[in-house]
Amino acid sequence: MTFSDRDIFEAVKYHLPTVNEYVTSHGGKIKLLGTHNGTIYIALSGECHGCAMSFMTTKMVVQKKLRELIHPELIVINVDGTPENALPDTYYTEEDEAQTKNDTINQTRFIDKIKHFFKKKTKT
């Protein structure tokens, strides 16, 4: 798959309202937790949390629809507290995006301070 974790995360976030319609009709909700190497990690909440059919909902509804909308090789895992359905140690999430933006802002401020410092030096 040639998409980055961020690309997949953004695509899923964009399509989540469409995918969430079925889950919402059953009193549930989907929360996007993160992505890693073509795998999407979600959490089902509301009536869907702990439901015996949550595995089927994840695979036959959520994964199937996201494969249609984004890429046919995507895998969706409902992080439900079991060891086999846990988040990996590293994965992309929105917090990564916020941190990247903060780092960029801080870098820009630092560069501006350096430019300002050298402008003062050249004037004297």
C-alpha atoms as a PDB file:
ATOM      1  CA  MET A   1       0.000   0.000   0.000  1.00  0.00           C
ATOM      2  CA  THR A   2       1.488   3.341  -1.022  1.00  0.00           C
ATOM      3  CA  PHE A   3      -0.409   5.553   1.418  1.00  0.00           C
ATOM      4  CA  SER A   4       1.109   6.929   4.594  1.00  0.00           C
ATOM      5  CA  ASP A   5      -0.535   6.345   7.958  1.00  0.00           C
ATOM      6  CA  ARG A   6      -1.502  10.015   7.938  1.00  0.00           C
ATOM      7  CA  ASP A   7      -3.131   9.719   4.479  1.00  0.00           C
ATOM      8  CA  ILE A   8      -5.173   6.735   5.600  1.00  0.00           C
ATOM      9  CA  PHE A   9      -6.121   8.423   8.886  1.00  0.00           C
ATOM     10  CA  GLU A  10      -7.360  11.529   7.052  1.00  0.00           C
ATOM     11  CA  ALA A  11      -9.315   9.452   4.507  1.00  0.00           C
ATOM     12  CA  VAL A  12     -10.974   7.409   7.251  1.00  0.00           C
ATOM     13  CA  LYS A  13     -11.777  10.553   9.223  1.00  0.00           C
ATOM     14  CA  TYR A  14     -13.396  12.015   6.099  1.00  0.00           C
ATOM     15  CA  HIS A  15     -15.499   8.891   5.392  1.00  0.00           C
ATOM     16  CA  LEU A  16     -16.324   8.025   9.005  1.00  0.00           C
ATOM     17  CA  PRO A  17     -19.735   9.775   9.044  1.00  0.00           C
ATOM     18  CA  THR A  18     -20.854   7.615   6.103  1.00  0.00           C
ATOM     19  CA  VAL A  19     -19.545   4.421   7.674  1.00  0.00           C
ATOM     20  CA  ASN A  20     -20.958   5.378  11.071  1.00  0.00           C
ATOM     21  CA  GLU A  21     -24.581   5.477   9.797  1.00  0.00           C
ATOM     22  CA  TYR A  22     -25.178   1.743  10.308  1.00  0.00           C
ATOM     23  CA  VAL A  23     -23.531   1.699  13.727  1.00  0.00           C
ATOM     24  CA  THR A  24     -25.516   4.770  14.803  1.00  0.00           C
ATOM     25  CA  SER A  25     -28.752   3.084  13.721  1.00  0.00           C
ATOM     26  CA  HIS A  26     -27.982   0.397  16.309  1.00  0.00           C
ATOM     27  CA  GLY A  27     -27.255   2.882  19.096  1.00  0.00           C
ATOM     28  CA  GLY A  28     -23.489   2.781  18.701  1.00  0.00           C
ATOM     29  CA  LYS A  29     -20.664   5.000  17.590  1.00  0.00           C
ATOM     30  CA  ILE A  30     -17.237   4.549  15.987  1.00  0.00           C
ATOM     31  CA  LYS A  31     -14.186   6.341  17.331  1.00  0.00           C
ATOM     32  CA  LEU A  32     -11.095   6.430  15.127  1.00  0.00           C
ATOM     33  CA  LEU A  33      -8.091   5.693  17.353  1.00  0.00           C
ATOM     34  CA  GLY A  34      -5.269   5.536  14.832  1.00  0.00           C
ATOM     35  CA  THR A  35      -3.660   3.878  11.815  1.00  0.00           C
ATOM     36  CA  HIS A  36      -0.531   1.816  11.254  1.00  0.00           C
ATOM     37  CA  ASN A  37       0.688   0.092   8.066  1.00  0.00           C
ATOM     38  CA  GLY A  38      -2.741  -0.118   6.409  1.00  0.00           C
ATOM     39  CA  THR A  39      -4.544  -1.136   9.579  1.00  0.00           C
ATOM     40  CA  ILE A  40      -7.211   1.115  11.049  1.00  0.00           C
ATOM     41  CA  TYR A  41      -7.827   0.958  14.787  1.00  0.00           C
ATOM     42  CA  ILE A  42     -11.297   1.887  16.002  1.00  0.00           C
ATOM     43  CA  ALA A  43     -13.314   1.641  19.203  1.00  0.00           C
ATOM     44  CA  LEU A  44     -17.006   0.824  19.120  1.00  0.00           C
ATOM     45  CA  SER A  45     -18.993   2.521  21.858  1.00  0.00           C
ATOM     46  CA  GLY A  46     -22.600   2.818  22.977  1.00  0.00           C
ATOM     47  CA  GLU A  47     -24.753  -0.246  22.342  1.00  0.00           C
ATOM     48  CA  CYS A  48     -22.043  -1.709  20.090  1.00  0.00           C
ATOM     49  CA  HIS A  49     -19.392  -1.813  22.834  1.00  0.00           C
ATOM     50  CA  GLY A  50     -19.123  -5.393  24.028  1.00  0.00           C
ATOM     51  CA  CYS A  51     -21.908  -6.582  21.729  1.00  0.00           C
ATOM     52  CA  ALA A  52     -21.552 -10.181  20.573  1.00  0.00           C
ATOM     53  CA  MET A  53     -21.907  -8.957  16.980  1.00  0.00           C
ATOM     54  CA  SER A  54     -19.201  -6.265  17.240  1.00  0.00           C
ATOM     55  CA  PHE A  55     -16.690  -8.440  15.367  1.00  0.00           C
ATOM     56  CA  MET A  56     -19.139  -8.879  12.486  1.00  0.00           C
ATOM     57  CA  THR A  57     -19.964  -5.165  12.522  1.00  0.00           C
ATOM     58  CA  THR A  58     -16.261  -4.325  12.371  1.00  0.00           C
ATOM     59  CA  LYS A  59     -15.472  -6.688   9.495  1.00  0.00           C
ATOM     60  CA  MET A  60     -18.700  -6.863   7.463  1.00  0.00           C
ATOM     61  CA  VAL A  61     -19.796  -3.248   7.813  1.00  0.00           C
ATOM     62  CA  VAL A  62     -16.926  -0.944   8.764  1.00  0.00           C
ATOM     63  CA  GLN A  63     -14.025  -2.724   7.029  1.00  0.00           C
ATOM     64  CA  LYS A  64     -16.093  -3.573   3.952  1.00  0.00           C
ATOM     65  CA  LYS A  65     -17.257   0.031   3.487  1.00  0.00           C
ATOM     66  CA  LEU A  66     -13.808   1.550   4.093  1.00  0.00           C
ATOM     67  CA  ARG A  67     -12.315  -0.880   1.579  1.00  0.00           C
ATOM     68  CA  GLU A  68     -14.881   0.286  -0.978  1.00  0.00           C
ATOM     69  CA  LEU A  69     -14.267   3.961  -0.237  1.00  0.00           C
ATOM     70  CA  ILE A  70     -10.489   4.054   0.315  1.00  0.00           C
ATOM     71  CA  HIS A  71      -8.463   0.939  -0.519  1.00  0.00           C
ATOM     72  CA  PRO A  72      -9.331  -2.769  -0.923  1.00  0.00           C
ATOM     73  CA  GLU A  73      -6.506  -3.970   1.335  1.00  0.00           C
ATOM     74  CA  LEU A  74      -7.378  -2.002   4.479  1.00  0.00           C
ATOM     75  CA  ILE A  75      -7.773  -3.915   7.712  1.00  0.00           C
ATOM     76  CA  VAL A  76      -9.999  -2.641  10.523  1.00  0.00           C
ATOM     77  CA  ILE A  77      -9.512  -3.722  14.128  1.00  0.00           C
ATOM     78  CA  ASN A  78     -11.930  -2.925  16.923  1.00  0.00           C
ATOM     79  CA  VAL A  79      -9.735  -2.295  19.974  1.00  0.00           C
ATOM     80  CA  ASP A  80     -11.850  -4.082  22.548  1.00  0.00           C
ATOM     81  CA  GLY A  81      -9.450  -4.824  25.384  1.00  0.00           C
ATOM     82  CA  THR A  82      -8.378  -8.256  24.184  1.00  0.00           C
ATOM     83  CA  PRO A  83      -4.655  -8.844  23.510  1.00  0.00           C
ATOM     84  CA  GLU A  84      -5.197  -9.751  19.850  1.00  0.00           C
ATOM     85  CA  ASN A  85      -7.121  -6.513  19.237  1.00  0.00           C
ATOM     86  CA  ALA A  86      -4.792  -4.055  20.944  1.00  0.00           C
ATOM     87  CA  LEU A  87      -3.241  -0.894  19.590  1.00  0.00           C
ATOM     88  CA  PRO A  88       0.364  -1.369  18.429  1.00  0.00           C
ATOM     89  CA  ASP A  89       3.168   0.431  20.244  1.00  0.00           C
ATOM     90  CA  THR A  90       3.431   2.981  17.426  1.00  0.00           C
ATOM     91  CA  TYR A  91       0.558   4.277  15.337  1.00  0.00           C
ATOM     92  CA  TYR A  92      -0.579   7.538  13.749  1.00  0.00           C
ATOM     93  CA  THR A  93      -3.232   9.596  15.509  1.00  0.00           C
ATOM     94  CA  GLU A  94      -4.523  13.158  15.403  1.00  0.00           C
ATOM     95  CA  GLU A  95      -2.271  14.045  18.317  1.00  0.00           C
ATOM     96  CA  ASP A  96       0.694  13.362  16.018  1.00  0.00           C
ATOM     97  CA  GLU A  97      -0.697  15.940  13.607  1.00  0.00           C
ATOM     98  CA  ALA A  98      -1.105  18.509  16.386  1.00  0.00           C
ATOM     99  CA  GLN A  99       2.449  17.858  17.588  1.00  0.00           C
ATOM    100  CA  THR A 100       3.808  18.260  14.054  1.00  0.00           C
ATOM    101  CA  LYS A 101       2.011  21.607  13.714  1.00  0.00           C
ATOM    102  CA  ASN A 102       3.359  22.773  17.086  1.00  0.00           C
ATOM    103  CA  ASP A 103       6.885  21.725  16.113  1.00  0.00           C
ATOM    104  CA  THR A 104       6.590  23.642  12.832  1.00  0.00           C
ATOM    105  CA  ILE A 105       5.317  26.753  14.623  1.00  0.00           C
ATOM    106  CA  ASN A 106       8.124  26.547  17.172  1.00  0.00           C
ATOM    107  CA  GLN A 107      10.718  26.098  14.405  1.00  0.00           C
ATOM    108  CA  THR A 108       9.343  29.120  12.561  1.00  0.00           C
ATOM    109  CA  ARG A 109       9.461  31.234  15.718  1.00  0.00           C
ATOM    110  CA  PHE A 110      13.034  30.145  16.388  1.00  0.00           C
ATOM    111  CA  ILE A 111      14.095  30.973  12.826  1.00  0.00           C
ATOM    112  CA  ASP A 112      12.371  34.369  13.077  1.00  0.00           C
ATOM    113  CA  LYS A 113      14.273  35.096  16.301  1.00  0.00           C
ATOM    114  CA  ILE A 114      17.571  34.218  14.624  1.00  0.00           C
ATOM    115  CA  LYS A 115      16.757  36.431  11.623  1.00  0.00           C
ATOM    116  CA  HIS A 116      15.821  39.285  13.958  1.00  0.00           C
ATOM    117  CA  PHE A 117      19.045  38.815  15.928  1.00  0.00           C
ATOM    118  CA  PHE A 118      21.199  38.987  12.795  1.00  0.00           C
ATOM    119  CA  LYS A 119      19.319  41.999  11.440  1.00  0.00           C
ATOM    120  CA  LYS A 120      20.180  43.837  14.658  1.00  0.00           C
ATOM    121  CA  LYS A 121      23.828  42.787  14.344  1.00  0.00           C
ATOM    122  CA  THR A 122      24.156  44.007  10.762  1.00  0.00           C
ATOM    123  CA  LYS A 123      22.619  47.392  11.595  1.00  0.00           C
ATOM    124  CA  THR A 124      25.154  48.108  14.350  1.00  0.00           C
END
